[in-house]
Amino acid sequence: MIDTYSFGRIVIDGKSYSNDVKIVNGTVIPDWRRKKGHFVDVNDISDILEAGPSVIIIGTGDSGLLRASEEVGKTADKQGVRLIEEKTGRAVEIFNEMAKTNSNIAAGFHLTC
C-alpha cells in the first residue's frame, strides 16, 4: 500500500522515495527513468508489461504532464490490460483502492510536475 504522496515524495510501506517509482509484482522499483522525460514509451515499462498485470496505473505527476504513448495504450489493449492514467494524487488513491481486491496491478508514478 502507498502510505502518502505529496509533490516530489511518495511513501510506500513506510519507506520514502523522492524519485519516480514503479511497482511491479508488489515490489517497488525506485528511480524510474524514461528515455524522454515526460513521455512513457513501451520500453520504459517493459518490465511491467512482461509481468502480465491486469491493470497498469500511470501517475502522470502532480499537474499531469507525463503522458503515455499511443503504443503503450495499444500494447496494453492487445494484452487485455486495463491502462489507467491519472494525476499522481488520484492514481495513488486508485492504486490503494484496487490493491484491496486485486493483487495483479502494476504502476508507475511520476512524483513531480
PDB file of N, CA and C in Angstrom:
ATOM      1  N   MET A   1       0.834  -1.188   0.000  1.00  0.00           N
ATOM      2  CA  MET A   1       0.000   0.000   0.000  1.00  0.00           C
ATOM      3  C   MET A   1       0.875   1.248   0.000  1.00  0.00           C
ATOM      4  N   ILE A   2       0.324   2.277  -0.573  1.00  0.00           N
ATOM      5  CA  ILE A   2       1.013   3.562  -0.589  1.00  0.00           C
ATOM      6  C   ILE A   2       0.507   4.356   0.610  1.00  0.00           C
ATOM      7  N   ASP A   3       1.439   4.751   1.459  1.00  0.00           N
ATOM      8  CA  ASP A   3       1.073   5.464   2.682  1.00  0.00           C
ATOM      9  C   ASP A   3       0.677   6.906   2.386  1.00  0.00           C
ATOM     10  N   THR A   4       1.546   7.618   1.672  1.00  0.00           N
ATOM     11  CA  THR A   4       1.261   9.020   1.344  1.00  0.00           C
ATOM     12  C   THR A   4       1.966   9.410   0.050  1.00  0.00           C
ATOM     13  N   TYR A   5       1.409  10.442  -0.570  1.00  0.00           N
ATOM     14  CA  TYR A   5       2.054  11.076  -1.723  1.00  0.00           C
ATOM     15  C   TYR A   5       1.920  12.583  -1.552  1.00  0.00           C
ATOM     16  N   SER A   6       2.996  13.278  -1.820  1.00  0.00           N
ATOM     17  CA  SER A   6       2.973  14.733  -1.941  1.00  0.00           C
ATOM     18  C   SER A   6       3.992  15.077  -3.016  1.00  0.00           C
ATOM     19  N   PHE A   7       3.922  16.273  -3.538  1.00  0.00           N
ATOM     20  CA  PHE A   7       4.804  16.674  -4.636  1.00  0.00           C
ATOM     21  C   PHE A   7       6.249  16.291  -4.321  1.00  0.00           C
ATOM     22  N   GLY A   8       6.833  15.431  -5.168  1.00  0.00           N
ATOM     23  CA  GLY A   8       8.225  15.036  -5.030  1.00  0.00           C
ATOM     24  C   GLY A   8       8.517  13.951  -4.014  1.00  0.00           C
ATOM     25  N   ARG A   9       7.469  13.374  -3.395  1.00  0.00           N
ATOM     26  CA  ARG A   9       7.710  12.370  -2.355  1.00  0.00           C
ATOM     27  C   ARG A   9       6.547  11.389  -2.284  1.00  0.00           C
ATOM     28  N   ILE A  10       6.908  10.103  -2.192  1.00  0.00           N
ATOM     29  CA  ILE A  10       5.909   9.055  -2.004  1.00  0.00           C
ATOM     30  C   ILE A  10       6.434   8.122  -0.929  1.00  0.00           C
ATOM     31  N   VAL A  11       5.541   7.666  -0.068  1.00  0.00           N
ATOM     32  CA  VAL A  11       5.911   6.731   0.989  1.00  0.00           C
ATOM     33  C   VAL A  11       5.127   5.445   0.749  1.00  0.00           C
ATOM     34  N   ILE A  12       5.869   4.354   0.577  1.00  0.00           N
ATOM     35  CA  ILE A  12       5.280   3.052   0.295  1.00  0.00           C
ATOM     36  C   ILE A  12       5.749   2.075   1.364  1.00  0.00           C
ATOM     37  N   ASP A  13       4.802   1.491   2.062  1.00  0.00           N
ATOM     38  CA  ASP A  13       5.116   0.551   3.152  1.00  0.00           C
ATOM     39  C   ASP A  13       6.157   1.123   4.112  1.00  0.00           C
ATOM     40  N   GLY A  14       6.007   2.405   4.439  1.00  0.00           N
ATOM     41  CA  GLY A  14       6.878   3.059   5.405  1.00  0.00           C
ATOM     42  C   GLY A  14       8.189   3.582   4.872  1.00  0.00           C
ATOM     43  N   LYS A  15       8.504   3.299   3.611  1.00  0.00           N
ATOM     44  CA  LYS A  15       9.769   3.769   3.039  1.00  0.00           C
ATOM     45  C   LYS A  15       9.502   4.950   2.098  1.00  0.00           C
ATOM     46  N   SER A  16      10.296   6.007   2.261  1.00  0.00           N
ATOM     47  CA  SER A  16      10.127   7.225   1.487  1.00  0.00           C
ATOM     48  C   SER A  16      10.994   7.220   0.228  1.00  0.00           C
ATOM     49  N   TYR A  17      10.398   7.695  -0.874  1.00  0.00           N
ATOM     50  CA  TYR A  17      11.111   7.808  -2.149  1.00  0.00           C
ATOM     51  C   TYR A  17      10.936   9.237  -2.666  1.00  0.00           C
ATOM     52  N   SER A  18      12.003   9.781  -3.238  1.00  0.00           N
ATOM     53  CA  SER A  18      11.924  11.141  -3.770  1.00  0.00           C
ATOM     54  C   SER A  18      12.147  11.188  -5.282  1.00  0.00           C
ATOM     55  N   ASN A  19      12.275  10.027  -5.894  1.00  0.00           N
ATOM     56  CA  ASN A  19      12.351   9.929  -7.352  1.00  0.00           C
ATOM     57  C   ASN A  19      11.209   9.037  -7.825  1.00  0.00           C
ATOM     58  N   ASP A  20      10.869   9.158  -9.092  1.00  0.00           N
ATOM     59  CA  ASP A  20       9.781   8.372  -9.662  1.00  0.00           C
ATOM     60  C   ASP A  20       9.997   6.889  -9.381  1.00  0.00           C
ATOM     61  N   VAL A  21       8.888   6.176  -9.199  1.00  0.00           N
ATOM     62  CA  VAL A  21       8.956   4.748  -8.869  1.00  0.00           C
ATOM     63  C   VAL A  21       7.980   3.952  -9.723  1.00  0.00           C
ATOM     64  N   LYS A  22       8.275   2.658  -9.824  1.00  0.00           N
ATOM     65  CA  LYS A  22       7.340   1.700 -10.399  1.00  0.00           C
ATOM     66  C   LYS A  22       7.054   0.666  -9.319  1.00  0.00           C
ATOM     67  N   ILE A  23       5.878   0.066  -9.412  1.00  0.00           N
ATOM     68  CA  ILE A  23       5.537  -1.057  -8.552  1.00  0.00           C
ATOM     69  C   ILE A  23       5.164  -2.212  -9.480  1.00  0.00           C
ATOM     70  N   VAL A  24       5.949  -3.287  -9.401  1.00  0.00           N
ATOM     71  CA  VAL A  24       5.759  -4.453 -10.257  1.00  0.00           C
ATOM     72  C   VAL A  24       5.750  -5.702  -9.378  1.00  0.00           C
ATOM     73  N   ASN A  25       4.695  -6.481  -9.480  1.00  0.00           N
ATOM     74  CA  ASN A  25       4.558  -7.698  -8.662  1.00  0.00           C
ATOM     75  C   ASN A  25       4.754  -7.404  -7.173  1.00  0.00           C
ATOM     76  N   GLY A  26       4.237  -6.266  -6.716  1.00  0.00           N
ATOM     77  CA  GLY A  26       4.331  -5.898  -5.306  1.00  0.00           C
ATOM     78  C   GLY A  26       5.681  -5.378  -4.871  1.00  0.00           C
ATOM     79  N   THR A  27       6.618  -5.252  -5.802  1.00  0.00           N
ATOM     80  CA  THR A  27       7.959  -4.773  -5.494  1.00  0.00           C
ATOM     81  C   THR A  27       8.137  -3.349  -6.000  1.00  0.00           C
ATOM     82  N   VAL A  28       8.682  -2.485  -5.154  1.00  0.00           N
ATOM     83  CA  VAL A  28       8.954  -1.108  -5.551  1.00  0.00           C
ATOM     84  C   VAL A  28      10.279  -1.067  -6.298  1.00  0.00           C
ATOM     85  N   ILE A  29      10.244  -0.466  -7.472  1.00  0.00           N
ATOM     86  CA  ILE A  29      11.456  -0.258  -8.260  1.00  0.00           C
ATOM     87  C   ILE A  29      11.717   1.242  -8.261  1.00  0.00           C
ATOM     88  N   PRO A  30      12.709   1.680  -7.490  1.00  0.00           N
ATOM     89  CA  PRO A  30      12.964   3.125  -7.364  1.00  0.00           C
ATOM     90  C   PRO A  30      13.686   3.696  -8.580  1.00  0.00           C
ATOM     91  N   ASP A  31      13.710   5.015  -8.622  1.00  0.00           N
ATOM     92  CA  ASP A  31      14.451   5.759  -9.657  1.00  0.00           C
ATOM     93  C   ASP A  31      14.014   5.407 -11.072  1.00  0.00           C
ATOM     94  N   TRP A  32      12.720   5.373 -11.306  1.00  0.00           N
ATOM     95  CA  TRP A  32      12.182   5.102 -12.641  1.00  0.00           C
ATOM     96  C   TRP A  32      12.557   6.246 -13.573  1.00  0.00           C
ATOM     97  N   ARG A  33      13.322   5.917 -14.585  1.00  0.00           N
ATOM     98  CA  ARG A  33      13.740   6.889 -15.601  1.00  0.00           C
ATOM     99  C   ARG A  33      13.126   6.512 -16.933  1.00  0.00           C
ATOM    100  N   ARG A  34      12.769   7.512 -17.690  1.00  0.00           N
ATOM    101  CA  ARG A  34      12.232   7.312 -19.033  1.00  0.00           C
ATOM    102  C   ARG A  34      13.173   7.972 -20.027  1.00  0.00           C
ATOM    103  N   LYS A  35      13.257   7.408 -21.212  1.00  0.00           N
ATOM    104  CA  LYS A  35      14.174   7.954 -22.219  1.00  0.00           C
ATOM    105  C   LYS A  35      13.822   9.385 -22.603  1.00  0.00           C
ATOM    106  N   LYS A  36      12.518   9.717 -22.572  1.00  0.00           N
ATOM    107  CA  LYS A  36      12.084  11.047 -22.984  1.00  0.00           C
ATOM    108  C   LYS A  36      11.370  11.807 -21.864  1.00  0.00           C
ATOM    109  N   GLY A  37      11.879  11.751 -20.661  1.00  0.00           N
ATOM    110  CA  GLY A  37      11.370  12.555 -19.554  1.00  0.00           C
ATOM    111  C   GLY A  37       9.890  12.397 -19.238  1.00  0.00           C
ATOM    112  N   HIS A  38       9.066  13.253 -19.816  1.00  0.00           N
ATOM    113  CA  HIS A  38       7.628  13.260 -19.521  1.00  0.00           C
ATOM    114  C   HIS A  38       6.818  12.441 -20.518  1.00  0.00           C
ATOM    115  N   PHE A  39       7.445  11.446 -21.113  1.00  0.00           N
ATOM    116  CA  PHE A  39       6.800  10.618 -22.121  1.00  0.00           C
ATOM    117  C   PHE A  39       7.092   9.156 -21.807  1.00  0.00           C
ATOM    118  N   VAL A  40       6.057   8.340 -21.653  1.00  0.00           N
ATOM    119  CA  VAL A  40       6.225   6.915 -21.346  1.00  0.00           C
ATOM    120  C   VAL A  40       6.079   6.119 -22.628  1.00  0.00           C
ATOM    121  N   ASP A  41       7.121   5.407 -22.975  1.00  0.00           N
ATOM    122  CA  ASP A  41       7.121   4.528 -24.144  1.00  0.00           C
ATOM    123  C   ASP A  41       7.062   3.080 -23.651  1.00  0.00           C
ATOM    124  N   VAL A  42       6.760   2.172 -24.536  1.00  0.00           N
ATOM    125  CA  VAL A  42       6.674   0.750 -24.188  1.00  0.00           C
ATOM    126  C   VAL A  42       7.965   0.275 -23.521  1.00  0.00           C
ATOM    127  N   ASN A  43       9.108   0.710 -24.004  1.00  0.00           N
ATOM    128  CA  ASN A  43      10.384   0.286 -23.427  1.00  0.00           C
ATOM    129  C   ASN A  43      10.551   0.757 -21.984  1.00  0.00           C
ATOM    130  N   ASP A  44       9.903   1.867 -21.628  1.00  0.00           N
ATOM    131  CA  ASP A  44      10.001   2.400 -20.269  1.00  0.00           C
ATOM    132  C   ASP A  44       9.234   1.559 -19.249  1.00  0.00           C
ATOM    133  N   ILE A  45       8.301   0.746 -19.728  1.00  0.00           N
ATOM    134  CA  ILE A  45       7.510  -0.096 -18.821  1.00  0.00           C
ATOM    135  C   ILE A  45       7.539  -1.564 -19.264  1.00  0.00           C
ATOM    136  N   SER A  46       8.589  -1.957 -19.958  1.00  0.00           N
ATOM    137  CA  SER A  46       8.672  -3.337 -20.453  1.00  0.00           C
ATOM    138  C   SER A  46       8.593  -4.346 -19.312  1.00  0.00           C
ATOM    139  N   ASP A  47       9.204  -4.024 -18.163  1.00  0.00           N
ATOM    140  CA  ASP A  47       9.139  -4.936 -17.014  1.00  0.00           C
ATOM    141  C   ASP A  47       7.707  -5.074 -16.498  1.00  0.00           C
ATOM    142  N   ILE A  48       6.961  -3.995 -16.535  1.00  0.00           N
ATOM    143  CA  ILE A  48       5.556  -4.049 -16.123  1.00  0.00           C
ATOM    144  C   ILE A  48       4.770  -4.923 -17.093  1.00  0.00           C
ATOM    145  N   LEU A  49       4.942  -4.686 -18.383  1.00  0.00           N
ATOM    146  CA  LEU A  49       4.206  -5.449 -19.389  1.00  0.00           C
ATOM    147  C   LEU A  49       4.555  -6.932 -19.330  1.00  0.00           C
ATOM    148  N   GLU A  50       5.819  -7.246 -19.108  1.00  0.00           N
ATOM    149  CA  GLU A  50       6.254  -8.646 -19.017  1.00  0.00           C
ATOM    150  C   GLU A  50       5.681  -9.343 -17.785  1.00  0.00           C
ATOM    151  N   ALA A  51       5.380  -8.579 -16.740  1.00  0.00           N
ATOM    152  CA  ALA A  51       4.826  -9.164 -15.515  1.00  0.00           C
ATOM    153  C   ALA A  51       3.377  -9.606 -15.702  1.00  0.00           C
ATOM    154  N   GLY A  52       2.719  -9.105 -16.740  1.00  0.00           N
ATOM    155  CA  GLY A  52       1.356  -9.526 -17.053  1.00  0.00           C
ATOM    156  C   GLY A  52       0.286  -9.087 -16.075  1.00  0.00           C
ATOM    157  N   PRO A  53       0.291  -7.823 -15.650  1.00  0.00           N
ATOM    158  CA  PRO A  53      -0.755  -7.383 -14.731  1.00  0.00           C
ATOM    159  C   PRO A  53      -2.106  -7.274 -15.429  1.00  0.00           C
ATOM    160  N   SER A  54      -3.154  -7.229 -14.632  1.00  0.00           N
ATOM    161  CA  SER A  54      -4.480  -7.000 -15.215  1.00  0.00           C
ATOM    162  C   SER A  54      -4.758  -5.503 -15.362  1.00  0.00           C
ATOM    163  N   VAL A  55      -4.047  -4.700 -14.562  1.00  0.00           N
ATOM    164  CA  VAL A  55      -4.203  -3.243 -14.589  1.00  0.00           C
ATOM    165  C   VAL A  55      -2.835  -2.594 -14.476  1.00  0.00           C
ATOM    166  N   ILE A  56      -2.627  -1.544 -15.267  1.00  0.00           N
ATOM    167  CA  ILE A  56      -1.441  -0.692 -15.136  1.00  0.00           C
ATOM    168  C   ILE A  56      -1.940   0.711 -14.830  1.00  0.00           C
ATOM    169  N   ILE A  57      -1.416   1.281 -13.749  1.00  0.00           N
ATOM    170  CA  ILE A  57      -1.773   2.641 -13.365  1.00  0.00           C
ATOM    171  C   ILE A  57      -0.548   3.519 -13.592  1.00  0.00           C
ATOM    172  N   ILE A  58      -0.740   4.595 -14.331  1.00  0.00           N
ATOM    173  CA  ILE A  58       0.325   5.561 -14.563  1.00  0.00           C
ATOM    174  C   ILE A  58      -0.045   6.862 -13.859  1.00  0.00           C
ATOM    175  N   GLY A  59       0.767   7.239 -12.879  1.00  0.00           N
ATOM    176  CA  GLY A  59       0.603   8.527 -12.210  1.00  0.00           C
ATOM    177  C   GLY A  59       1.339   9.572 -13.027  1.00  0.00           C
ATOM    178  N   THR A  60       0.607  10.512 -13.578  1.00  0.00           N
ATOM    179  CA  THR A  60       1.149  11.451 -14.568  1.00  0.00           C
ATOM    180  C   THR A  60       1.774  12.704 -13.967  1.00  0.00           C
ATOM    181  N   GLY A  61       1.984  12.704 -12.657  1.00  0.00           N
ATOM    182  CA  GLY A  61       2.590  13.855 -11.999  1.00  0.00           C
ATOM    183  C   GLY A  61       1.546  14.692 -11.283  1.00  0.00           C
ATOM    184  N   ASP A  62       2.029  15.638 -10.503  1.00  0.00           N
ATOM    185  CA  ASP A  62       1.141  16.489  -9.715  1.00  0.00           C
ATOM    186  C   ASP A  62       0.199  17.303 -10.597  1.00  0.00           C
ATOM    187  N   SER A  63       0.716  17.795 -11.702  1.00  0.00           N
ATOM    188  CA  SER A  63      -0.123  18.588 -12.618  1.00  0.00           C
ATOM    189  C   SER A  63      -0.470  17.829 -13.897  1.00  0.00           C
ATOM    190  N   GLY A  64      -0.026  16.584 -14.004  1.00  0.00           N
ATOM    191  CA  GLY A  64      -0.419  15.736 -15.129  1.00  0.00           C
ATOM    192  C   GLY A  64       0.380  15.896 -16.402  1.00  0.00           C
ATOM    193  N   LEU A  65       1.647  16.269 -16.319  1.00  0.00           N
ATOM    194  CA  LEU A  65       2.457  16.498 -17.517  1.00  0.00           C
ATOM    195  C   LEU A  65       2.939  15.221 -18.204  1.00  0.00           C
ATOM    196  N   LEU A  66       3.088  14.139 -17.471  1.00  0.00           N
ATOM    197  CA  LEU A  66       3.570  12.883 -18.052  1.00  0.00           C
ATOM    198  C   LEU A  66       2.487  12.274 -18.931  1.00  0.00           C
ATOM    199  N   ARG A  67       2.872  11.739 -20.065  1.00  0.00           N
ATOM    200  CA  ARG A  67       1.922  11.106 -20.988  1.00  0.00           C
ATOM    201  C   ARG A  67       2.471   9.773 -21.467  1.00  0.00           C
ATOM    202  N   ALA A  68       1.568   8.809 -21.609  1.00  0.00           N
ATOM    203  CA  ALA A  68       1.929   7.512 -22.190  1.00  0.00           C
ATOM    204  C   ALA A  68       1.732   7.594 -23.693  1.00  0.00           C
ATOM    205  N   SER A  69       2.602   6.929 -24.423  1.00  0.00           N
ATOM    206  CA  SER A  69       2.499   6.917 -25.874  1.00  0.00           C
ATOM    207  C   SER A  69       1.267   6.145 -26.321  1.00  0.00           C
ATOM    208  N   GLU A  70       0.870   6.387 -27.530  1.00  0.00           N
ATOM    209  CA  GLU A  70      -0.247   5.637 -28.123  1.00  0.00           C
ATOM    210  C   GLU A  70       0.094   4.151 -28.162  1.00  0.00           C
ATOM    211  N   GLU A  71       1.366   3.846 -28.398  1.00  0.00           N
ATOM    212  CA  GLU A  71       1.816   2.454 -28.447  1.00  0.00           C
ATOM    213  C   GLU A  71       1.623   1.752 -27.102  1.00  0.00           C
ATOM    214  N   VAL A  72       1.808   2.472 -26.000  1.00  0.00           N
ATOM    215  CA  VAL A  72       1.573   1.886 -24.674  1.00  0.00           C
ATOM    216  C   VAL A  72       0.112   1.476 -24.559  1.00  0.00           C
ATOM    217  N   GLY A  73      -0.779   2.363 -24.960  1.00  0.00           N
ATOM    218  CA  GLY A  73      -2.210   2.054 -24.919  1.00  0.00           C
ATOM    219  C   GLY A  73      -2.571   0.870 -25.790  1.00  0.00           C
ATOM    220  N   LYS A  74      -2.032   0.833 -26.993  1.00  0.00           N
ATOM    221  CA  LYS A  74      -2.317  -0.270 -27.912  1.00  0.00           C
ATOM    222  C   LYS A  74      -1.768  -1.597 -27.382  1.00  0.00           C
ATOM    223  N   THR A  75      -0.555  -1.556 -26.825  1.00  0.00           N
ATOM    224  CA  THR A  75       0.056  -2.770 -26.288  1.00  0.00           C
ATOM    225  C   THR A  75      -0.739  -3.293 -25.096  1.00  0.00           C
ATOM    226  N   ALA A  76      -1.130  -2.394 -24.216  1.00  0.00           N
ATOM    227  CA  ALA A  76      -1.935  -2.803 -23.062  1.00  0.00           C
ATOM    228  C   ALA A  76      -3.250  -3.408 -23.533  1.00  0.00           C
ATOM    229  N   ASP A  77      -3.891  -2.756 -24.482  1.00  0.00           N
ATOM    230  CA  ASP A  77      -5.167  -3.247 -25.004  1.00  0.00           C
ATOM    231  C   ASP A  77      -5.007  -4.630 -25.633  1.00  0.00           C
ATOM    232  N   LYS A  78      -3.943  -4.799 -26.400  1.00  0.00           N
ATOM    233  CA  LYS A  78      -3.671  -6.078 -27.066  1.00  0.00           C
ATOM    234  C   LYS A  78      -3.460  -7.198 -26.051  1.00  0.00           C
ATOM    235  N   GLN A  79      -2.870  -6.865 -24.908  1.00  0.00           N
ATOM    236  CA  GLN A  79      -2.610  -7.861 -23.862  1.00  0.00           C
ATOM    237  C   GLN A  79      -3.796  -8.016 -22.905  1.00  0.00           C
ATOM    238  N   GLY A  80      -4.857  -7.257 -23.135  1.00  0.00           N
ATOM    239  CA  GLY A  80      -6.023  -7.333 -22.263  1.00  0.00           C
ATOM    240  C   GLY A  80      -5.811  -6.673 -20.918  1.00  0.00           C
ATOM    241  N   VAL A  81      -4.932  -5.682 -20.890  1.00  0.00           N
ATOM    242  CA  VAL A  81      -4.588  -4.978 -19.661  1.00  0.00           C
ATOM    243  C   VAL A  81      -5.303  -3.625 -19.643  1.00  0.00           C
ATOM    244  N   ARG A  82      -5.931  -3.331 -18.544  1.00  0.00           N
ATOM    245  CA  ARG A  82      -6.574  -2.026 -18.386  1.00  0.00           C
ATOM    246  C   ARG A  82      -5.506  -0.995 -18.036  1.00  0.00           C
ATOM    247  N   LEU A  83      -5.452   0.097 -18.788  1.00  0.00           N
ATOM    248  CA  LEU A  83      -4.491   1.169 -18.555  1.00  0.00           C
ATOM    249  C   LEU A  83      -5.234   2.369 -17.974  1.00  0.00           C
ATOM    250  N   ILE A  84      -4.761   2.829 -16.830  1.00  0.00           N
ATOM    251  CA  ILE A  84      -5.343   3.999 -16.173  1.00  0.00           C
ATOM    252  C   ILE A  84      -4.264   5.066 -16.070  1.00  0.00           C
ATOM    253  N   GLU A  85      -4.537   6.244 -16.606  1.00  0.00           N
ATOM    254  CA  GLU A  85      -3.631   7.384 -16.498  1.00  0.00           C
ATOM    255  C   GLU A  85      -4.348   8.497 -15.746  1.00  0.00           C
ATOM    256  N   GLU A  86      -3.780   8.898 -14.617  1.00  0.00           N
ATOM    257  CA  GLU A  86      -4.358   9.956 -13.792  1.00  0.00           C
ATOM    258  C   GLU A  86      -3.232  10.759 -13.154  1.00  0.00           C
ATOM    259  N   LYS A  87      -3.543  11.979 -12.743  1.00  0.00           N
ATOM    260  CA  LYS A  87      -2.576  12.736 -11.958  1.00  0.00           C
ATOM    261  C   LYS A  87      -2.175  11.870 -10.773  1.00  0.00           C
ATOM    262  N   THR A  88      -0.940  12.008 -10.328  1.00  0.00           N
ATOM    263  CA  THR A  88      -0.395  11.073  -9.356  1.00  0.00           C
ATOM    264  C   THR A  88      -1.208  10.983  -8.066  1.00  0.00           C
ATOM    265  N   GLY A  89      -1.698  12.086  -7.553  1.00  0.00           N
ATOM    266  CA  GLY A  89      -2.507  12.028  -6.338  1.00  0.00           C
ATOM    267  C   GLY A  89      -3.705  11.111  -6.511  1.00  0.00           C
ATOM    268  N   ARG A  90      -4.408  11.263  -7.613  1.00  0.00           N
ATOM    269  CA  ARG A  90      -5.580  10.419  -7.891  1.00  0.00           C
ATOM    270  C   ARG A  90      -5.139   8.985  -8.202  1.00  0.00           C
ATOM    271  N   ALA A  91      -4.030   8.825  -8.932  1.00  0.00           N
ATOM    272  CA  ALA A  91      -3.524   7.490  -9.273  1.00  0.00           C
ATOM    273  C   ALA A  91      -3.191   6.694  -8.011  1.00  0.00           C
ATOM    274  N   VAL A  92      -2.636   7.354  -7.008  1.00  0.00           N
ATOM    275  CA  VAL A  92      -2.325   6.702  -5.735  1.00  0.00           C
ATOM    276  C   VAL A  92      -3.616   6.222  -5.071  1.00  0.00           C
ATOM    277  N   GLU A  93      -4.638   7.058  -5.077  1.00  0.00           N
ATOM    278  CA  GLU A  93      -5.928   6.662  -4.489  1.00  0.00           C
ATOM    279  C   GLU A  93      -6.490   5.433  -5.207  1.00  0.00           C
ATOM    280  N   ILE A  94      -6.440   5.455  -6.529  1.00  0.00           N
ATOM    281  CA  ILE A  94      -6.939   4.327  -7.321  1.00  0.00           C
ATOM    282  C   ILE A  94      -6.130   3.066  -7.027  1.00  0.00           C
ATOM    283  N   PHE A  95      -4.802   3.212  -6.990  1.00  0.00           N
ATOM    284  CA  PHE A  95      -3.941   2.069  -6.700  1.00  0.00           C
ATOM    285  C   PHE A  95      -4.310   1.446  -5.357  1.00  0.00           C
ATOM    286  N   ASN A  96      -4.410   2.268  -4.329  1.00  0.00           N
ATOM    287  CA  ASN A  96      -4.720   1.744  -2.997  1.00  0.00           C
ATOM    288  C   ASN A  96      -6.090   1.079  -2.958  1.00  0.00           C
ATOM    289  N   GLU A  97      -7.058   1.667  -3.605  1.00  0.00           N
ATOM    290  CA  GLU A  97      -8.397   1.088  -3.631  1.00  0.00           C
ATOM    291  C   GLU A  97      -8.387  -0.260  -4.358  1.00  0.00           C
ATOM    292  N   MET A  98      -7.734  -0.305  -5.517  1.00  0.00           N
ATOM    293  CA  MET A  98      -7.689  -1.546  -6.295  1.00  0.00           C
ATOM    294  C   MET A  98      -6.858  -2.622  -5.597  1.00  0.00           C
ATOM    295  N   ALA A  99      -5.814  -2.219  -4.889  1.00  0.00           N
ATOM    296  CA  ALA A  99      -4.934  -3.176  -4.208  1.00  0.00           C
ATOM    297  C   ALA A  99      -5.665  -3.951  -3.116  1.00  0.00           C
ATOM    298  N   LYS A 100      -6.774  -3.409  -2.645  1.00  0.00           N
ATOM    299  CA  LYS A 100      -7.555  -4.107  -1.612  1.00  0.00           C
ATOM    300  C   LYS A 100      -8.168  -5.401  -2.152  1.00  0.00           C
ATOM    301  N   THR A 101      -8.459  -5.422  -3.462  1.00  0.00           N
ATOM    302  CA  THR A 101      -9.137  -6.589  -4.041  1.00  0.00           C
ATOM    303  C   THR A 101      -8.392  -7.231  -5.203  1.00  0.00           C
ATOM    304  N   ASN A 102      -7.338  -6.577  -5.692  1.00  0.00           N
ATOM    305  CA  ASN A 102      -6.631  -7.078  -6.869  1.00  0.00           C
ATOM    306  C   ASN A 102      -5.127  -6.982  -6.636  1.00  0.00           C
ATOM    307  N   SER A 103      -4.478  -8.102  -6.497  1.00  0.00           N
ATOM    308  CA  SER A 103      -3.032  -8.086  -6.287  1.00  0.00           C
ATOM    309  C   SER A 103      -2.261  -8.044  -7.598  1.00  0.00           C
ATOM    310  N   ASN A 104      -2.964  -8.132  -8.711  1.00  0.00           N
ATOM    311  CA  ASN A 104      -2.301  -8.180 -10.014  1.00  0.00           C
ATOM    312  C   ASN A 104      -2.336  -6.814 -10.708  1.00  0.00           C
ATOM    313  N   ILE A 105      -1.908  -5.783  -9.968  1.00  0.00           N
ATOM    314  CA  ILE A 105      -1.826  -4.450 -10.556  1.00  0.00           C
ATOM    315  C   ILE A 105      -0.379  -3.990 -10.519  1.00  0.00           C
ATOM    316  N   ALA A 106      -0.041  -3.150 -11.468  1.00  0.00           N
ATOM    317  CA  ALA A 106       1.295  -2.571 -11.533  1.00  0.00           C
ATOM    318  C   ALA A 106       1.131  -1.079 -11.745  1.00  0.00           C
ATOM    319  N   ALA A 107       2.191  -0.334 -11.456  1.00  0.00           N
ATOM    320  CA  ALA A 107       2.075   1.122 -11.567  1.00  0.00           C
ATOM    321  C   ALA A 107       3.408   1.770 -11.809  1.00  0.00           C
ATOM    322  N   GLY A 108       3.348   2.968 -12.356  1.00  0.00           N
ATOM    323  CA  GLY A 108       4.487   3.860 -12.461  1.00  0.00           C
ATOM    324  C   GLY A 108       4.022   5.232 -12.013  1.00  0.00           C
ATOM    325  N   PHE A 109       4.762   5.838 -11.097  1.00  0.00           N
ATOM    326  CA  PHE A 109       4.354   7.129 -10.539  1.00  0.00           C
ATOM    327  C   PHE A 109       5.414   8.191 -10.779  1.00  0.00           C
ATOM    328  N   HIS A 110       5.004   9.254 -11.468  1.00  0.00           N
ATOM    329  CA  HIS A 110       5.840  10.449 -11.641  1.00  0.00           C
ATOM    330  C   HIS A 110       5.525  11.340 -10.449  1.00  0.00           C
ATOM    331  N   LEU A 111       6.532  11.739  -9.701  1.00  0.00           N
ATOM    332  CA  LEU A 111       6.299  12.400  -8.422  1.00  0.00           C
ATOM    333  C   LEU A 111       6.268  13.925  -8.463  1.00  0.00           C
ATOM    334  N   THR A 112       6.754  14.514  -9.544  1.00  0.00           N
ATOM    335  CA  THR A 112       6.756  15.971  -9.598  1.00  0.00           C
ATOM    336  C   THR A 112       5.775  16.461 -10.648  1.00  0.00           C
ATOM    337  N   CYS A 113       6.136  17.446 -11.383  1.00  0.00           N
ATOM    338  CA  CYS A 113       5.255  18.120 -12.354  1.00  0.00           C
ATOM    339  C   CYS A 113       4.291  17.206 -13.033  1.00  0.00           C
TER     340      CYS A 113
END
